[in-house]
Amino acid sequence: MKMSVKQRRARRRIDQPATALRNRNRKDPERARRDSRMVQKLRAGKLPYTQTVMSWLSAKLDKKASKITPDDVKALME
């Protein structure tokens, strides 16, 4: 039996919170591991960092990668 669009949307609205919780339980530890990896890379190098590190810094500092200064990195590390 086919399901209408309205029924699919209703089911998705019901299932979405449970799915988000399940995904969160998997993603939180990975975020912590990624943060520790990035901090190690920050300690090992200096500006300009690799694209991966700059992207992570940009998200953490809420700044464009081109606007990140060594002082910003130092403040984040403290």
PDB file of N, CA and C in Angstrom:
ATOM      1  N   MET A   1       0.837  -1.185   0.000  1.00  0.00           N
ATOM      2  CA  MET A   1       0.000   0.000   0.000  1.00  0.00           C
ATOM      3  C   MET A   1       0.875   1.239   0.000  1.00  0.00           C
ATOM      4  N   LYS A   2       0.527   2.182  -0.837  1.00  0.00           N
ATOM      5  CA  LYS A   2       1.310   3.393  -0.954  1.00  0.00           C
ATOM      6  C   LYS A   2       1.024   4.340   0.216  1.00  0.00           C
ATOM      7  N   MET A   3       2.037   5.127   0.519  1.00  0.00           N
ATOM      8  CA  MET A   3       1.915   6.096   1.599  1.00  0.00           C
ATOM      9  C   MET A   3       1.838   7.486   0.970  1.00  0.00           C
ATOM     10  N   SER A   4       0.943   8.299   1.466  1.00  0.00           N
ATOM     11  CA  SER A   4       0.803   9.645   0.921  1.00  0.00           C
ATOM     12  C   SER A   4       1.948  10.529   1.419  1.00  0.00           C
ATOM     13  N   VAL A   5       2.111  11.638   0.751  1.00  0.00           N
ATOM     14  CA  VAL A   5       3.139  12.594   1.147  1.00  0.00           C
ATOM     15  C   VAL A   5       2.862  13.085   2.560  1.00  0.00           C
ATOM     16  N   LYS A   6       1.629  13.325   2.865  1.00  0.00           N
ATOM     17  CA  LYS A   6       1.242  13.801   4.198  1.00  0.00           C
ATOM     18  C   LYS A   6       1.620  12.760   5.258  1.00  0.00           C
ATOM     19  N   GLN A   7       1.378  11.501   4.981  1.00  0.00           N
ATOM     20  CA  GLN A   7       1.725  10.439   5.929  1.00  0.00           C
ATOM     21  C   GLN A   7       3.241  10.314   6.099  1.00  0.00           C
ATOM     22  N   ARG A   8       3.975  10.421   4.991  1.00  0.00           N
ATOM     23  CA  ARG A   8       5.443  10.357   5.075  1.00  0.00           C
ATOM     24  C   ARG A   8       5.998  11.501   5.908  1.00  0.00           C
ATOM     25  N   ARG A   9       5.470  12.684   5.696  1.00  0.00           N
ATOM     26  CA  ARG A   9       5.939  13.843   6.471  1.00  0.00           C
ATOM     27  C   ARG A   9       5.601  13.695   7.948  1.00  0.00           C
ATOM     28  N   ALA A  10       4.435  13.165   8.241  1.00  0.00           N
ATOM     29  CA  ALA A  10       4.053  12.951   9.637  1.00  0.00           C
ATOM     30  C   ALA A  10       4.969  11.920  10.285  1.00  0.00           C
ATOM     31  N   ARG A  11       5.260  10.847   9.575  1.00  0.00           N
ATOM     32  CA  ARG A  11       6.154   9.814  10.110  1.00  0.00           C
ATOM     33  C   ARG A  11       7.563  10.379  10.329  1.00  0.00           C
ATOM     34  N   ARG A  12       8.015  11.179   9.375  1.00  0.00           N
ATOM     35  CA  ARG A  12       9.349  11.780   9.501  1.00  0.00           C
ATOM     36  C   ARG A  12       9.416  12.714  10.702  1.00  0.00           C
ATOM     37  N   ARG A  13       8.362  13.497  10.921  1.00  0.00           N
ATOM     38  CA  ARG A  13       8.309  14.408  12.068  1.00  0.00           C
ATOM     39  C   ARG A  13       8.381  13.644  13.377  1.00  0.00           C
ATOM     40  N   ILE A  14       7.781  12.472  13.416  1.00  0.00           N
ATOM     41  CA  ILE A  14       7.787  11.642  14.621  1.00  0.00           C
ATOM     42  C   ILE A  14       9.142  10.966  14.807  1.00  0.00           C
ATOM     43  N   ASP A  15       9.719  10.458  13.717  1.00  0.00           N
ATOM     44  CA  ASP A  15      10.987   9.718  13.798  1.00  0.00           C
ATOM     45  C   ASP A  15      12.206  10.612  13.958  1.00  0.00           C
ATOM     46  N   GLN A  16      12.116  11.855  13.556  1.00  0.00           N
ATOM     47  CA  GLN A  16      13.281  12.726  13.518  1.00  0.00           C
ATOM     48  C   GLN A  16      13.944  12.937  14.881  1.00  0.00           C
ATOM     49  N   PRO A  17      13.224  13.216  15.960  1.00  0.00           N
ATOM     50  CA  PRO A  17      13.903  13.416  17.254  1.00  0.00           C
ATOM     51  C   PRO A  17      14.674  12.179  17.727  1.00  0.00           C
ATOM     52  N   ALA A  18      14.108  10.998  17.533  1.00  0.00           N
ATOM     53  CA  ALA A  18      14.794   9.772  17.952  1.00  0.00           C
ATOM     54  C   ALA A  18      16.050   9.545  17.118  1.00  0.00           C
ATOM     55  N   THR A  19      15.968   9.821  15.830  1.00  0.00           N
ATOM     56  CA  THR A  19      17.127   9.661  14.963  1.00  0.00           C
ATOM     57  C   THR A  19      18.219  10.658  15.339  1.00  0.00           C
ATOM     58  N   ALA A  20      17.838  11.885  15.629  1.00  0.00           N
ATOM     59  CA  ALA A  20      18.815  12.901  16.011  1.00  0.00           C
ATOM     60  C   ALA A  20      19.532  12.508  17.296  1.00  0.00           C
ATOM     61  N   LEU A  21      18.816  11.943  18.253  1.00  0.00           N
ATOM     62  CA  LEU A  21      19.431  11.504  19.503  1.00  0.00           C
ATOM     63  C   LEU A  21      20.409  10.359  19.254  1.00  0.00           C
ATOM     64  N   ARG A  22      20.011   9.401  18.427  1.00  0.00           N
ATOM     65  CA  ARG A  22      20.899   8.278  18.095  1.00  0.00           C
ATOM     66  C   ARG A  22      22.171   8.769  17.416  1.00  0.00           C
ATOM     67  N   ASN A  23      22.013   9.684  16.478  1.00  0.00           N
ATOM     68  CA  ASN A  23      23.169  10.219  15.769  1.00  0.00           C
ATOM     69  C   ASN A  23      24.061  11.041  16.691  1.00  0.00           C
ATOM     70  N   ARG A  24      23.446  11.776  17.605  1.00  0.00           N
ATOM     71  CA  ARG A  24      24.216  12.595  18.543  1.00  0.00           C
ATOM     72  C   ARG A  24      25.106  11.735  19.417  1.00  0.00           C
ATOM     73  N   ASN A  25      24.594  10.596  19.862  1.00  0.00           N
ATOM     74  CA  ASN A  25      25.374   9.699  20.702  1.00  0.00           C
ATOM     75  C   ASN A  25      26.599   9.172  19.964  1.00  0.00           C
ATOM     76  N   ARG A  26      26.525   9.062  18.648  1.00  0.00           N
ATOM     77  CA  ARG A  26      27.678   8.619  17.858  1.00  0.00           C
ATOM     78  C   ARG A  26      28.616   9.775  17.534  1.00  0.00           C
ATOM     79  N   LYS A  27      28.062  10.956  17.288  1.00  0.00           N
ATOM     80  CA  LYS A  27      28.862  12.070  16.798  1.00  0.00           C
ATOM     81  C   LYS A  27      29.607  12.820  17.894  1.00  0.00           C
ATOM     82  N   ASP A  28      29.070  12.880  19.097  1.00  0.00           N
ATOM     83  CA  ASP A  28      29.735  13.621  20.177  1.00  0.00           C
ATOM     84  C   ASP A  28      31.133  13.090  20.471  1.00  0.00           C
ATOM     85  N   PRO A  29      31.317  11.774  20.629  1.00  0.00           N
ATOM     86  CA  PRO A  29      32.689  11.284  20.859  1.00  0.00           C
ATOM     87  C   PRO A  29      33.615  11.560  19.674  1.00  0.00           C
ATOM     88  N   GLU A  30      33.095  11.489  18.462  1.00  0.00           N
ATOM     89  CA  GLU A  30      33.932  11.770  17.289  1.00  0.00           C
ATOM     90  C   GLU A  30      34.343  13.232  17.261  1.00  0.00           C
ATOM     91  N   ARG A  31      33.449  14.127  17.655  1.00  0.00           N
ATOM     92  CA  ARG A  31      33.810  15.547  17.718  1.00  0.00           C
ATOM     93  C   ARG A  31      34.931  15.777  18.723  1.00  0.00           C
ATOM     94  N   ALA A  32      34.865  15.105  19.855  1.00  0.00           N
ATOM     95  CA  ALA A  32      35.919  15.241  20.871  1.00  0.00           C
ATOM     96  C   ALA A  32      37.255  14.729  20.329  1.00  0.00           C
ATOM     97  N   ARG A  33      37.233  13.600  19.623  1.00  0.00           N
ATOM     98  CA  ARG A  33      38.465  13.071  19.031  1.00  0.00           C
ATOM     99  C   ARG A  33      39.022  14.033  17.984  1.00  0.00           C
ATOM    100  N   ARG A  34      38.137  14.599  17.184  1.00  0.00           N
ATOM    101  CA  ARG A  34      38.583  15.539  16.155  1.00  0.00           C
ATOM    102  C   ARG A  34      39.192  16.783  16.801  1.00  0.00           C
ATOM    103  N   ASP A  35      38.567  17.295  17.854  1.00  0.00           N
ATOM    104  CA  ASP A  35      39.111  18.463  18.546  1.00  0.00           C
ATOM    105  C   ASP A  35      40.514  18.183  19.067  1.00  0.00           C
ATOM    106  N   SER A  36      40.724  17.013  19.655  1.00  0.00           N
ATOM    107  CA  SER A  36      42.050  16.701  20.193  1.00  0.00           C
ATOM    108  C   SER A  36      43.082  16.570  19.066  1.00  0.00           C
ATOM    109  N   ARG A  37      42.691  15.991  17.928  1.00  0.00           N
ATOM    110  CA  ARG A  37      43.602  15.892  16.785  1.00  0.00           C
ATOM    111  C   ARG A  37      43.981  17.272  16.271  1.00  0.00           C
ATOM    112  N   MET A  38      42.998  18.161  16.172  1.00  0.00           N
ATOM    113  CA  MET A  38      43.263  19.495  15.650  1.00  0.00           C
ATOM    114  C   MET A  38      44.158  20.290  16.597  1.00  0.00           C
ATOM    115  N   VAL A  39      43.943  20.156  17.893  1.00  0.00           N
ATOM    116  CA  VAL A  39      44.787  20.862  18.862  1.00  0.00           C
ATOM    117  C   VAL A  39      46.223  20.369  18.762  1.00  0.00           C
ATOM    118  N   GLN A  40      46.421  19.072  18.561  1.00  0.00           N
ATOM    119  CA  GLN A  40      47.773  18.535  18.390  1.00  0.00           C
ATOM    120  C   GLN A  40      48.431  19.136  17.144  1.00  0.00           C
ATOM    121  N   LYS A  41      47.673  19.257  16.072  1.00  0.00           N
ATOM    122  CA  LYS A  41      48.216  19.842  14.848  1.00  0.00           C
ATOM    123  C   LYS A  41      48.528  21.324  15.037  1.00  0.00           C
ATOM    124  N   LEU A  42      47.709  22.019  15.832  1.00  0.00           N
ATOM    125  CA  LEU A  42      47.971  23.429  16.108  1.00  0.00           C
ATOM    126  C   LEU A  42      49.276  23.588  16.880  1.00  0.00           C
ATOM    127  N   ARG A  43      49.501  22.717  17.847  1.00  0.00           N
ATOM    128  CA  ARG A  43      50.718  22.795  18.652  1.00  0.00           C
ATOM    129  C   ARG A  43      51.951  22.462  17.827  1.00  0.00           C
ATOM    130  N   ALA A  44      51.803  21.623  16.828  1.00  0.00           N
ATOM    131  CA  ALA A  44      52.942  21.171  16.039  1.00  0.00           C
ATOM    132  C   ALA A  44      53.351  22.177  14.960  1.00  0.00           C
ATOM    133  N   GLY A  45      52.445  23.030  14.518  1.00  0.00           N
ATOM    134  CA  GLY A  45      52.748  23.899  13.391  1.00  0.00           C
ATOM    135  C   GLY A  45      52.521  25.366  13.695  1.00  0.00           C
ATOM    136  N   LYS A  46      52.482  26.151  12.631  1.00  0.00           N
ATOM    137  CA  LYS A  46      52.191  27.575  12.736  1.00  0.00           C
ATOM    138  C   LYS A  46      51.440  27.999  11.474  1.00  0.00           C
ATOM    139  N   LEU A  47      50.879  29.184  11.516  1.00  0.00           N
ATOM    140  CA  LEU A  47      50.126  29.679  10.369  1.00  0.00           C
ATOM    141  C   LEU A  47      51.019  29.741   9.141  1.00  0.00           C
ATOM    142  N   PRO A  48      50.562  29.448   7.969  1.00  0.00           N
ATOM    143  CA  PRO A  48      49.249  28.912   7.633  1.00  0.00           C
ATOM    144  C   PRO A  48      49.199  27.397   7.839  1.00  0.00           C
ATOM    145  N   TYR A  49      48.110  26.947   8.395  1.00  0.00           N
ATOM    146  CA  TYR A  49      47.895  25.525   8.643  1.00  0.00           C
ATOM    147  C   TYR A  49      47.282  24.881   7.404  1.00  0.00           C
ATOM    148  N   THR A  50      47.087  23.576   7.461  1.00  0.00           N
ATOM    149  CA  THR A  50      46.441  22.873   6.350  1.00  0.00           C
ATOM    150  C   THR A  50      44.981  23.302   6.258  1.00  0.00           C
ATOM    151  N   GLN A  51      44.371  22.993   5.138  1.00  0.00           N
ATOM    152  CA  GLN A  51      42.976  23.374   4.904  1.00  0.00           C
ATOM    153  C   GLN A  51      42.053  22.798   5.971  1.00  0.00           C
ATOM    154  N   THR A  52      42.300  21.571   6.391  1.00  0.00           N
ATOM    155  CA  THR A  52      41.459  20.933   7.399  1.00  0.00           C
ATOM    156  C   THR A  52      41.511  21.690   8.712  1.00  0.00           C
ATOM    157  N   VAL A  53      42.704  22.042   9.128  1.00  0.00           N
ATOM    158  CA  VAL A  53      42.880  22.764  10.393  1.00  0.00           C
ATOM    159  C   VAL A  53      42.283  24.163  10.286  1.00  0.00           C
ATOM    160  N   MET A  54      42.486  24.822   9.167  1.00  0.00           N
ATOM    161  CA  MET A  54      41.933  26.167   8.994  1.00  0.00           C
ATOM    162  C   MET A  54      40.406  26.150   8.999  1.00  0.00           C
ATOM    163  N   SER A  55      39.828  25.137   8.411  1.00  0.00           N
ATOM    164  CA  SER A  55      38.374  25.010   8.415  1.00  0.00           C
ATOM    165  C   SER A  55      37.863  24.812   9.836  1.00  0.00           C
ATOM    166  N   TRP A  56      38.545  23.966  10.589  1.00  0.00           N
ATOM    167  CA  TRP A  56      38.163  23.715  11.986  1.00  0.00           C
ATOM    168  C   TRP A  56      38.311  24.992  12.804  1.00  0.00           C
ATOM    169  N   LEU A  57      39.431  25.696  12.626  1.00  0.00           N
ATOM    170  CA  LEU A  57      39.644  26.962  13.341  1.00  0.00           C
ATOM    171  C   LEU A  57      38.571  27.982  12.979  1.00  0.00           C
ATOM    172  N   SER A  58      38.244  28.054  11.724  1.00  0.00           N
ATOM    173  CA  SER A  58      37.230  28.993  11.268  1.00  0.00           C
ATOM    174  C   SER A  58      35.887  28.729  11.958  1.00  0.00           C
ATOM    175  N   ALA A  59      35.530  27.464  12.086  1.00  0.00           N
ATOM    176  CA  ALA A  59      34.272  27.115  12.753  1.00  0.00           C
ATOM    177  C   ALA A  59      34.342  27.429  14.248  1.00  0.00           C
ATOM    178  N   LYS A  60      35.477  27.131  14.877  1.00  0.00           N
ATOM    179  CA  LYS A  60      35.623  27.370  16.320  1.00  0.00           C
ATOM    180  C   LYS A  60      35.647  28.854  16.654  1.00  0.00           C
ATOM    181  N   LEU A  61      36.325  29.646  15.813  1.00  0.00           N
ATOM    182  CA  LEU A  61      36.479  31.068  16.086  1.00  0.00           C
ATOM    183  C   LEU A  61      35.376  31.913  15.467  1.00  0.00           C
ATOM    184  N   ASP A  62      34.563  31.293  14.619  1.00  0.00           N
ATOM    185  CA  ASP A  62      33.495  32.002  13.910  1.00  0.00           C
ATOM    186  C   ASP A  62      34.066  33.185  13.110  1.00  0.00           C
ATOM    187  N   LYS A  63      35.147  32.891  12.386  1.00  0.00           N
ATOM    188  CA  LYS A  63      35.815  33.866  11.542  1.00  0.00           C
ATOM    189  C   LYS A  63      36.167  33.220  10.217  1.00  0.00           C
ATOM    190  N   LYS A  64      36.353  34.041   9.195  1.00  0.00           N
ATOM    191  CA  LYS A  64      36.864  33.529   7.933  1.00  0.00           C
ATOM    192  C   LYS A  64      38.303  33.081   8.153  1.00  0.00           C
ATOM    193  N   ALA A  65      38.701  32.059   7.439  1.00  0.00           N
ATOM    194  CA  ALA A  65      40.059  31.527   7.587  1.00  0.00           C
ATOM    195  C   ALA A  65      41.108  32.585   7.266  1.00  0.00           C
ATOM    196  N   SER A  66      40.829  33.458   6.327  1.00  0.00           N
ATOM    197  CA  SER A  66      41.799  34.486   5.948  1.00  0.00           C
ATOM    198  C   SER A  66      41.965  35.553   7.025  1.00  0.00           C
ATOM    199  N   LYS A  67      41.026  35.632   7.949  1.00  0.00           N
ATOM    200  CA  LYS A  67      41.069  36.651   9.004  1.00  0.00           C
ATOM    201  C   LYS A  67      41.650  36.119  10.312  1.00  0.00           C
ATOM    202  N   ILE A  68      42.020  34.853  10.363  1.00  0.00           N
ATOM    203  CA  ILE A  68      42.552  34.257  11.590  1.00  0.00           C
ATOM    204  C   ILE A  68      44.000  34.681  11.770  1.00  0.00           C
ATOM    205  N   THR A  69      44.311  35.147  12.981  1.00  0.00           N
ATOM    206  CA  THR A  69      45.656  35.600  13.304  1.00  0.00           C
ATOM    207  C   THR A  69      46.294  34.646  14.309  1.00  0.00           C
ATOM    208  N   PRO A  70      47.613  34.711  14.462  1.00  0.00           N
ATOM    209  CA  PRO A  70      48.268  33.881  15.485  1.00  0.00           C
ATOM    210  C   PRO A  70      47.736  34.156  16.895  1.00  0.00           C
ATOM    211  N   ASP A  71      47.331  35.406  17.170  1.00  0.00           N
ATOM    212  CA  ASP A  71      46.766  35.721  18.475  1.00  0.00           C
ATOM    213  C   ASP A  71      45.445  34.997  18.708  1.00  0.00           C
ATOM    214  N   ASP A  72      44.637  34.870  17.660  1.00  0.00           N
ATOM    215  CA  ASP A  72      43.379  34.121  17.776  1.00  0.00           C
ATOM    216  C   ASP A  72      43.651  32.666  18.133  1.00  0.00           C
ATOM    217  N   VAL A  73      44.647  32.089  17.479  1.00  0.00           N
ATOM    218  CA  VAL A  73      44.997  30.684  17.725  1.00  0.00           C
ATOM    219  C   VAL A  73      45.498  30.527  19.154  1.00  0.00           C
ATOM    220  N   LYS A  74      46.344  31.465  19.580  1.00  0.00           N
ATOM    221  CA  LYS A  74      46.889  31.406  20.927  1.00  0.00           C
ATOM    222  C   LYS A  74      45.774  31.508  21.979  1.00  0.00           C
ATOM    223  N   ALA A  75      44.795  32.384  21.739  1.00  0.00           N
ATOM    224  CA  ALA A  75      43.671  32.534  22.667  1.00  0.00           C
ATOM    225  C   ALA A  75      42.833  31.264  22.720  1.00  0.00           C
ATOM    226  N   LEU A  76      42.671  30.602  21.601  1.00  0.00           N
ATOM    227  CA  LEU A  76      41.899  29.367  21.558  1.00  0.00           C
ATOM    228  C   LEU A  76      42.610  28.248  22.327  1.00  0.00           C
ATOM    229  N   MET A  77      43.928  28.237  22.249  1.00  0.00           N
ATOM    230  CA  MET A  77      44.718  27.182  22.894  1.00  0.00           C
ATOM    231  C   MET A  77      44.725  27.315  24.419  1.00  0.00           C
ATOM    232  N   GLU A  78      44.488  28.507  24.931  1.00  0.00           N
ATOM    233  CA  GLU A  78      44.525  28.714  26.381  1.00  0.00           C
ATOM    234  C   GLU A  78      43.281  28.276  27.070  1.00  0.00           C
TER     235      GLU A  78
END
